[in-house]
Amino acid sequence: AEMLSVATRLGIDFRGTPIMGAKSTAKIECDFAG
């Protein structure tokens, strides 16, 4: 048996200016699983 908190997650969704006529977005997502 075990108890863990390492699945805790943090992310950032970005939106930016159009690029070559396309909507631009980006994502960075991480956890603490190491």
PDB file of all heavy atoms in Angstrom:
ATOM      1  N   ALA A   1       0.852  -1.192   0.000  1.00  0.00           N
ATOM      2  CA  ALA A   1       0.000   0.000   0.000  1.00  0.00           C
ATOM      3  C   ALA A   1       0.880   1.231   0.000  1.00  0.00           C
ATOM      4  O   ALA A   1       2.009   1.210   0.503  1.00  0.00           O
ATOM      5  CB  ALA A   1      -0.933  -0.004   1.212  1.00  0.00           C
ATOM      6  N   GLU A   2       0.355   2.337  -0.539  1.00  0.00           N
ATOM      7  CA  GLU A   2       1.137   3.568  -0.653  1.00  0.00           C
ATOM      8  C   GLU A   2       0.217   4.755  -0.863  1.00  0.00           C
ATOM      9  O   GLU A   2      -0.915   4.608  -1.348  1.00  0.00           O
ATOM     10  CB  GLU A   2       2.120   3.446  -1.829  1.00  0.00           C
ATOM     11  CG  GLU A   2       2.995   4.651  -2.094  1.00  0.00           C
ATOM     12  CD  GLU A   2       4.008   4.933  -1.014  1.00  0.00           C
ATOM     13  OE1 GLU A   2       3.567   5.422   0.062  1.00  0.00           O
ATOM     14  OE2 GLU A   2       5.203   4.672  -1.226  1.00  0.00           O
ATOM     15  N   MET A   3       0.692   5.934  -0.506  1.00  0.00           N
ATOM     16  CA  MET A   3       0.008   7.191  -0.799  1.00  0.00           C
ATOM     17  C   MET A   3       1.013   8.125  -1.442  1.00  0.00           C
ATOM     18  O   MET A   3       2.140   8.272  -0.963  1.00  0.00           O
ATOM     19  CB  MET A   3      -0.566   7.819   0.467  1.00  0.00           C
ATOM     20  CG  MET A   3      -1.297   9.120   0.210  1.00  0.00           C
ATOM     21  SD  MET A   3      -2.054   9.794   1.711  1.00  0.00           S
ATOM     22  CE  MET A   3      -2.717  11.336   1.050  1.00  0.00           C
ATOM     23  N   LEU A   4       0.617   8.761  -2.561  1.00  0.00           N
ATOM     24  CA  LEU A   4       1.513   9.615  -3.324  1.00  0.00           C
ATOM     25  C   LEU A   4       0.782  10.852  -3.838  1.00  0.00           C
ATOM     26  O   LEU A   4      -0.431  10.820  -4.079  1.00  0.00           O
ATOM     27  CB  LEU A   4       2.104   8.852  -4.519  1.00  0.00           C
ATOM     28  CG  LEU A   4       3.055   7.688  -4.192  1.00  0.00           C
ATOM     29  CD1 LEU A   4       3.247   6.824  -5.419  1.00  0.00           C
ATOM     30  CD2 LEU A   4       4.386   8.218  -3.689  1.00  0.00           C
ATOM     31  N   SER A   5       1.556  11.928  -4.044  1.00  0.00           N
ATOM     32  CA  SER A   5       1.012  13.181  -4.576  1.00  0.00           C
ATOM     33  C   SER A   5       1.683  13.597  -5.881  1.00  0.00           C
ATOM     34  O   SER A   5       1.470  14.714  -6.357  1.00  0.00           O
ATOM     35  CB  SER A   5       1.186  14.304  -3.544  1.00  0.00           C
ATOM     36  OG  SER A   5       0.595  13.972  -2.320  1.00  0.00           O
ATOM     37  N   VAL A   6       2.494  12.701  -6.471  1.00  0.00           N
ATOM     38  CA  VAL A   6       3.321  13.087  -7.614  1.00  0.00           C
ATOM     39  C   VAL A   6       2.531  13.278  -8.904  1.00  0.00           C
ATOM     40  O   VAL A   6       3.049  13.813  -9.883  1.00  0.00           O
ATOM     41  CB  VAL A   6       4.449  12.055  -7.850  1.00  0.00           C
ATOM     42  CG1 VAL A   6       5.363  11.994  -6.645  1.00  0.00           C
ATOM     43  CG2 VAL A   6       3.869  10.677  -8.165  1.00  0.00           C
ATOM     44  N   ALA A   7       1.257  12.847  -8.939  1.00  0.00           N
ATOM     45  CA  ALA A   7       0.442  13.067 -10.138  1.00  0.00           C
ATOM     46  C   ALA A   7      -0.084  14.490 -10.225  1.00  0.00           C
ATOM     47  O   ALA A   7      -0.756  14.849 -11.195  1.00  0.00           O
ATOM     48  CB  ALA A   7      -0.726  12.082 -10.167  1.00  0.00           C
ATOM     49  N   THR A   8       0.188  15.317  -9.221  1.00  0.00           N
ATOM     50  CA  THR A   8      -0.167  16.734  -9.263  1.00  0.00           C
ATOM     51  C   THR A   8       0.357  17.351 -10.556  1.00  0.00           C
ATOM     52  O   THR A   8       1.503  17.106 -10.954  1.00  0.00           O
ATOM     53  CB  THR A   8       0.415  17.451  -8.037  1.00  0.00           C
ATOM     54  OG1 THR A   8      -0.224  16.943  -6.870  1.00  0.00           O
ATOM     55  CG2 THR A   8       0.209  18.942  -8.124  1.00  0.00           C
ATOM     56  N   ARG A   9      -0.460  18.150 -11.219  1.00  0.00           N
ATOM     57  CA  ARG A   9      -0.153  18.607 -12.585  1.00  0.00           C
ATOM     58  C   ARG A   9      -0.291  20.113 -12.713  1.00  0.00           C
ATOM     59  O   ARG A   9      -1.143  20.736 -12.064  1.00  0.00           O
ATOM     60  CB  ARG A   9      -1.097  17.911 -13.569  1.00  0.00           C
ATOM     61  CG  ARG A   9      -0.769  18.124 -15.038  1.00  0.00           C
ATOM     62  CD  ARG A   9      -1.700  17.280 -15.902  1.00  0.00           C
ATOM     63  NE  ARG A   9      -1.652  15.865 -15.523  1.00  0.00           N
ATOM     64  CZ  ARG A   9      -2.490  14.942 -15.961  1.00  0.00           C
ATOM     65  NH1 ARG A   9      -3.481  15.290 -16.792  1.00  0.00           N
ATOM     66  NH2 ARG A   9      -2.381  13.693 -15.572  1.00  0.00           N
ATOM     67  N   LEU A  10       0.541  20.705 -13.568  1.00  0.00           N
ATOM     68  CA  LEU A  10       0.507  22.138 -13.849  1.00  0.00           C
ATOM     69  C   LEU A  10       0.708  22.355 -15.344  1.00  0.00           C
ATOM     70  O   LEU A  10       1.613  21.759 -15.944  1.00  0.00           O
ATOM     71  CB  LEU A  10       1.602  22.865 -13.070  1.00  0.00           C
ATOM     72  CG  LEU A  10       1.688  24.382 -13.227  1.00  0.00           C
ATOM     73  CD1 LEU A  10       0.431  25.045 -12.671  1.00  0.00           C
ATOM     74  CD2 LEU A  10       2.928  24.920 -12.529  1.00  0.00           C
ATOM     75  N   GLY A  11      -0.138  23.171 -15.947  1.00  0.00           N
ATOM     76  CA  GLY A  11      -0.025  23.439 -17.373  1.00  0.00           C
ATOM     77  C   GLY A  11      -0.366  24.881 -17.708  1.00  0.00           C
ATOM     78  O   GLY A  11      -1.039  25.575 -16.949  1.00  0.00           O
ATOM     79  N   ILE A  12       0.115  25.328 -18.859  1.00  0.00           N
ATOM     80  CA  ILE A  12      -0.186  26.662 -19.370  1.00  0.00           C
ATOM     81  C   ILE A  12      -0.553  26.539 -20.851  1.00  0.00           C
ATOM     82  O   ILE A  12       0.204  25.955 -21.637  1.00  0.00           O
ATOM     83  CB  ILE A  12       1.001  27.631 -19.230  1.00  0.00           C
ATOM     84  CG1 ILE A  12       1.543  27.637 -17.803  1.00  0.00           C
ATOM     85  CG2 ILE A  12       0.584  29.039 -19.636  1.00  0.00           C
ATOM     86  CD1 ILE A  12       2.809  28.458 -17.631  1.00  0.00           C
ATOM     87  N   ASP A  13      -1.731  27.046 -21.214  1.00  0.00           N
ATOM     88  CA  ASP A  13      -2.134  27.162 -22.615  1.00  0.00           C
ATOM     89  C   ASP A  13      -1.891  28.589 -23.084  1.00  0.00           C
ATOM     90  O   ASP A  13      -2.317  29.553 -22.425  1.00  0.00           O
ATOM     91  CB  ASP A  13      -3.616  26.811 -22.776  1.00  0.00           C
ATOM     92  CG  ASP A  13      -3.866  25.317 -22.695  1.00  0.00           C
ATOM     93  OD1 ASP A  13      -3.003  24.550 -23.160  1.00  0.00           O
ATOM     94  OD2 ASP A  13      -4.930  24.916 -22.178  1.00  0.00           O
ATOM     95  N   PHE A  14      -1.201  28.722 -24.216  1.00  0.00           N
ATOM     96  CA  PHE A  14      -0.895  30.026 -24.779  1.00  0.00           C
ATOM     97  C   PHE A  14      -1.682  30.241 -26.066  1.00  0.00           C
ATOM     98  O   PHE A  14      -1.921  29.292 -26.829  1.00  0.00           O
ATOM     99  CB  PHE A  14       0.598  30.142 -25.103  1.00  0.00           C
ATOM    100  CG  PHE A  14       1.496  30.017 -23.911  1.00  0.00           C
ATOM    101  CD1 PHE A  14       2.035  28.784 -23.557  1.00  0.00           C
ATOM    102  CD2 PHE A  14       1.819  31.120 -23.148  1.00  0.00           C
ATOM    103  CE1 PHE A  14       2.872  28.661 -22.467  1.00  0.00           C
ATOM    104  CE2 PHE A  14       2.656  31.008 -22.049  1.00  0.00           C
ATOM    105  CZ  PHE A  14       3.186  29.770 -21.711  1.00  0.00           C
ATOM    106  N   ARG A  15      -2.057  31.477 -26.333  1.00  0.00           N
ATOM    107  CA  ARG A  15      -2.608  31.854 -27.635  1.00  0.00           C
ATOM    108  C   ARG A  15      -1.809  33.052 -28.140  1.00  0.00           C
ATOM    109  O   ARG A  15      -1.410  33.927 -27.358  1.00  0.00           O
ATOM    110  CB  ARG A  15      -4.095  32.184 -27.546  1.00  0.00           C
ATOM    111  CG  ARG A  15      -4.427  33.406 -26.725  1.00  0.00           C
ATOM    112  CD  ARG A  15      -5.936  33.680 -26.701  1.00  0.00           C
ATOM    113  NE  ARG A  15      -6.237  34.938 -26.040  1.00  0.00           N
ATOM    114  CZ  ARG A  15      -6.355  35.095 -24.726  1.00  0.00           C
ATOM    115  NH1 ARG A  15      -6.203  34.045 -23.928  1.00  0.00           N
ATOM    116  NH2 ARG A  15      -6.613  36.281 -24.208  1.00  0.00           N
ATOM    117  N   GLY A  16      -1.586  33.077 -29.453  1.00  0.00           N
ATOM    118  CA  GLY A  16      -0.744  34.125 -30.016  1.00  0.00           C
ATOM    119  C   GLY A  16      -1.341  34.757 -31.254  1.00  0.00           C
ATOM    120  O   GLY A  16      -2.495  34.512 -31.611  1.00  0.00           O
ATOM    121  N   THR A  17      -0.547  35.581 -31.898  1.00  0.00           N
ATOM    122  CA  THR A  17      -0.977  36.256 -33.114  1.00  0.00           C
ATOM    123  C   THR A  17      -1.033  35.257 -34.264  1.00  0.00           C
ATOM    124  O   THR A  17      -0.344  34.231 -34.241  1.00  0.00           O
ATOM    125  CB  THR A  17      -0.004  37.382 -33.461  1.00  0.00           C
ATOM    126  OG1 THR A  17       1.321  36.834 -33.564  1.00  0.00           O
ATOM    127  CG2 THR A  17      -0.025  38.464 -32.390  1.00  0.00           C
ATOM    128  N   PRO A  18      -1.843  35.508 -35.304  1.00  0.00           N
ATOM    129  CA  PRO A  18      -1.904  34.599 -36.454  1.00  0.00           C
ATOM    130  C   PRO A  18      -0.537  34.442 -37.123  1.00  0.00           C
ATOM    131  O   PRO A  18       0.246  35.389 -37.210  1.00  0.00           O
ATOM    132  CB  PRO A  18      -2.914  35.273 -37.389  1.00  0.00           C
ATOM    133  CG  PRO A  18      -3.740  36.131 -36.488  1.00  0.00           C
ATOM    134  CD  PRO A  18      -2.818  36.609 -35.412  1.00  0.00           C
ATOM    135  N   ILE A  19      -0.272  33.227 -37.588  1.00  0.00           N
ATOM    136  CA  ILE A  19       0.961  32.920 -38.304  1.00  0.00           C
ATOM    137  C   ILE A  19       0.582  32.301 -39.636  1.00  0.00           C
ATOM    138  O   ILE A  19      -0.095  31.277 -39.669  1.00  0.00           O
ATOM    139  CB  ILE A  19       1.847  31.952 -37.495  1.00  0.00           C
ATOM    140  CG1 ILE A  19       2.241  32.583 -36.154  1.00  0.00           C
ATOM    141  CG2 ILE A  19       3.092  31.574 -38.290  1.00  0.00           C
ATOM    142  CD1 ILE A  19       2.998  31.635 -35.248  1.00  0.00           C
ATOM    143  N   MET A  20       0.965  32.940 -40.720  1.00  0.00           N
ATOM    144  CA  MET A  20       0.657  32.456 -42.073  1.00  0.00           C
ATOM    145  C   MET A  20      -0.838  32.196 -42.239  1.00  0.00           C
ATOM    146  O   MET A  20      -1.258  31.216 -42.835  1.00  0.00           O
ATOM    147  CB  MET A  20       1.461  31.189 -42.391  1.00  0.00           C
ATOM    148  CG  MET A  20       2.960  31.412 -42.425  1.00  0.00           C
ATOM    149  SD  MET A  20       3.899  29.917 -42.845  1.00  0.00           S
ATOM    150  CE  MET A  20       3.601  28.916 -41.378  1.00  0.00           C
ATOM    151  N   GLY A  21      -1.633  33.071 -41.652  1.00  0.00           N
ATOM    152  CA  GLY A  21      -3.080  32.955 -41.769  1.00  0.00           C
ATOM    153  C   GLY A  21      -3.712  31.934 -40.849  1.00  0.00           C
ATOM    154  O   GLY A  21      -4.907  31.670 -40.958  1.00  0.00           O
ATOM    155  N   ALA A  22      -2.936  31.367 -39.936  1.00  0.00           N
ATOM    156  CA  ALA A  22      -3.440  30.336 -39.033  1.00  0.00           C
ATOM    157  C   ALA A  22      -3.495  30.858 -37.602  1.00  0.00           C
ATOM    158  O   ALA A  22      -2.627  31.634 -37.167  1.00  0.00           O
ATOM    159  CB  ALA A  22      -2.558  29.094 -39.087  1.00  0.00           C
ATOM    160  N   LYS A  23      -4.488  30.428 -36.852  1.00  0.00           N
ATOM    161  CA  LYS A  23      -4.549  30.686 -35.417  1.00  0.00           C
ATOM    162  C   LYS A  23      -3.416  29.916 -34.745  1.00  0.00           C
ATOM    163  O   LYS A  23      -3.220  28.732 -35.003  1.00  0.00           O
ATOM    164  CB  LYS A  23      -5.897  30.232 -34.873  1.00  0.00           C
ATOM    165  CG  LYS A  23      -6.039  30.345 -33.370  1.00  0.00           C
ATOM    166  CD  LYS A  23      -7.368  29.768 -32.912  1.00  0.00           C
ATOM    167  CE  LYS A  23      -7.477  29.765 -31.391  1.00  0.00           C
ATOM    168  NZ  LYS A  23      -8.756  29.143 -30.932  1.00  0.00           N
ATOM    169  N   SER A  24      -2.656  30.583 -33.880  1.00  0.00           N
ATOM    170  CA  SER A  24      -1.512  29.940 -33.246  1.00  0.00           C
ATOM    171  C   SER A  24      -1.761  29.753 -31.756  1.00  0.00           C
ATOM    172  O   SER A  24      -2.244  30.654 -31.066  1.00  0.00           O
ATOM    173  CB  SER A  24      -0.241  30.764 -33.451  1.00  0.00           C
ATOM    174  OG  SER A  24      -0.324  32.012 -32.791  1.00  0.00           O
ATOM    175  N   THR A  25      -1.459  28.553 -31.270  1.00  0.00           N
ATOM    176  CA  THR A  25      -1.560  28.224 -29.845  1.00  0.00           C
ATOM    177  C   THR A  25      -0.364  27.361 -29.458  1.00  0.00           C
ATOM    178  O   THR A  25       0.352  26.828 -30.318  1.00  0.00           O
ATOM    179  CB  THR A  25      -2.859  27.463 -29.526  1.00  0.00           C
ATOM    180  OG1 THR A  25      -2.925  26.288 -30.340  1.00  0.00           O
ATOM    181  CG2 THR A  25      -4.087  28.329 -29.797  1.00  0.00           C
ATOM    182  N   ALA A  26      -0.157  27.230 -28.149  1.00  0.00           N
ATOM    183  CA  ALA A  26       0.924  26.385 -27.643  1.00  0.00           C
ATOM    184  C   ALA A  26       0.543  25.881 -26.260  1.00  0.00           C
ATOM    185  O   ALA A  26      -0.342  26.430 -25.601  1.00  0.00           O
ATOM    186  CB  ALA A  26       2.238  27.152 -27.599  1.00  0.00           C
ATOM    187  N   LYS A  27       1.214  24.838 -25.831  1.00  0.00           N
ATOM    188  CA  LYS A  27       0.947  24.237 -24.521  1.00  0.00           C
ATOM    189  C   LYS A  27       2.248  23.780 -23.881  1.00  0.00           C
ATOM    190  O   LYS A  27       3.134  23.232 -24.555  1.00  0.00           O
ATOM    191  CB  LYS A  27       0.000  23.043 -24.653  1.00  0.00           C
ATOM    192  CG  LYS A  27      -0.308  22.335 -23.324  1.00  0.00           C
ATOM    193  CD  LYS A  27      -1.085  21.058 -23.518  1.00  0.00           C
ATOM    194  CE  LYS A  27      -2.514  21.301 -23.955  1.00  0.00           C
ATOM    195  NZ  LYS A  27      -3.343  21.857 -22.861  1.00  0.00           N
ATOM    196  N   ILE A  28       2.355  24.017 -22.582  1.00  0.00           N
ATOM    197  CA  ILE A  28       3.389  23.417 -21.747  1.00  0.00           C
ATOM    198  C   ILE A  28       2.681  22.774 -20.569  1.00  0.00           C
ATOM    199  O   ILE A  28       1.894  23.429 -19.885  1.00  0.00           O
ATOM    200  CB  ILE A  28       4.409  24.455 -21.231  1.00  0.00           C
ATOM    201  CG1 ILE A  28       5.128  25.139 -22.397  1.00  0.00           C
ATOM    202  CG2 ILE A  28       5.430  23.772 -20.307  1.00  0.00           C
ATOM    203  CD1 ILE A  28       6.028  26.282 -21.943  1.00  0.00           C
ATOM    204  N   GLU A  29       2.950  21.481 -20.328  1.00  0.00           N
ATOM    205  CA  GLU A  29       2.290  20.759 -19.241  1.00  0.00           C
ATOM    206  C   GLU A  29       3.309  19.860 -18.551  1.00  0.00           C
ATOM    207  O   GLU A  29       4.104  19.195 -19.217  1.00  0.00           O
ATOM    208  CB  GLU A  29       1.130  19.927 -19.788  1.00  0.00           C
ATOM    209  CG  GLU A  29       0.327  19.200 -18.724  1.00  0.00           C
ATOM    210  CD  GLU A  29      -0.793  18.380 -19.332  1.00  0.00           C
ATOM    211  OE1 GLU A  29      -1.882  18.941 -19.555  1.00  0.00           O
ATOM    212  OE2 GLU A  29      -0.561  17.181 -19.596  1.00  0.00           O
ATOM    213  N   CYS A  30       3.276  19.849 -17.223  1.00  0.00           N
ATOM    214  CA  CYS A  30       4.229  19.038 -16.479  1.00  0.00           C
ATOM    215  C   CYS A  30       3.568  18.450 -15.242  1.00  0.00           C
ATOM    216  O   CYS A  30       2.481  18.858 -14.831  1.00  0.00           O
ATOM    217  CB  CYS A  30       5.444  19.873 -16.076  1.00  0.00           C
ATOM    218  SG  CYS A  30       5.055  21.244 -14.978  1.00  0.00           S
ATOM    219  N   ASP A  31       4.235  17.457 -14.668  1.00  0.00           N
ATOM    220  CA  ASP A  31       3.845  16.937 -13.358  1.00  0.00           C
ATOM    221  C   ASP A  31       5.107  16.740 -12.539  1.00  0.00           C
ATOM    222  O   ASP A  31       6.187  17.197 -12.922  1.00  0.00           O
ATOM    223  CB  ASP A  31       3.005  15.661 -13.479  1.00  0.00           C
ATOM    224  CG  ASP A  31       3.749  14.516 -14.156  1.00  0.00           C
ATOM    225  OD1 ASP A  31       4.995  14.563 -14.231  1.00  0.00           O
ATOM    226  OD2 ASP A  31       3.086  13.563 -14.609  1.00  0.00           O
ATOM    227  N   PHE A  32       4.984  16.065 -11.406  1.00  0.00           N
ATOM    228  CA  PHE A  32       6.108  15.922 -10.495  1.00  0.00           C
ATOM    229  C   PHE A  32       6.530  14.463 -10.361  1.00  0.00           C
ATOM    230  O   PHE A  32       7.051  14.047  -9.329  1.00  0.00           O
ATOM    231  CB  PHE A  32       5.734  16.519  -9.137  1.00  0.00           C
ATOM    232  CG  PHE A  32       5.439  17.992  -9.213  1.00  0.00           C
ATOM    233  CD1 PHE A  32       4.158  18.438  -9.536  1.00  0.00           C
ATOM    234  CD2 PHE A  32       6.439  18.922  -9.013  1.00  0.00           C
ATOM    235  CE1 PHE A  32       3.887  19.792  -9.630  1.00  0.00           C
ATOM    236  CE2 PHE A  32       6.166  20.284  -9.110  1.00  0.00           C
ATOM    237  CZ  PHE A  32       4.895  20.721  -9.414  1.00  0.00           C
ATOM    238  N   ALA A  33       6.300  13.700 -11.423  1.00  0.00           N
ATOM    239  CA  ALA A  33       6.615  12.280 -11.405  1.00  0.00           C
ATOM    240  C   ALA A  33       8.109  12.015 -11.569  1.00  0.00           C
ATOM    241  O   ALA A  33       8.582  10.943 -11.243  1.00  0.00           O
ATOM    242  CB  ALA A  33       5.831  11.548 -12.497  1.00  0.00           C
ATOM    243  N   GLY A  34       8.845  12.977 -12.108  1.00  0.00           N
ATOM    244  CA  GLY A  34      10.291  12.874 -12.178  1.00  0.00           C
ATOM    245  C   GLY A  34      10.785  11.670 -12.942  1.00  0.00           C
ATOM    246  O   GLY A  34      10.164  11.214 -13.906  1.00  0.00           O
TER     247      GLY A  34
END
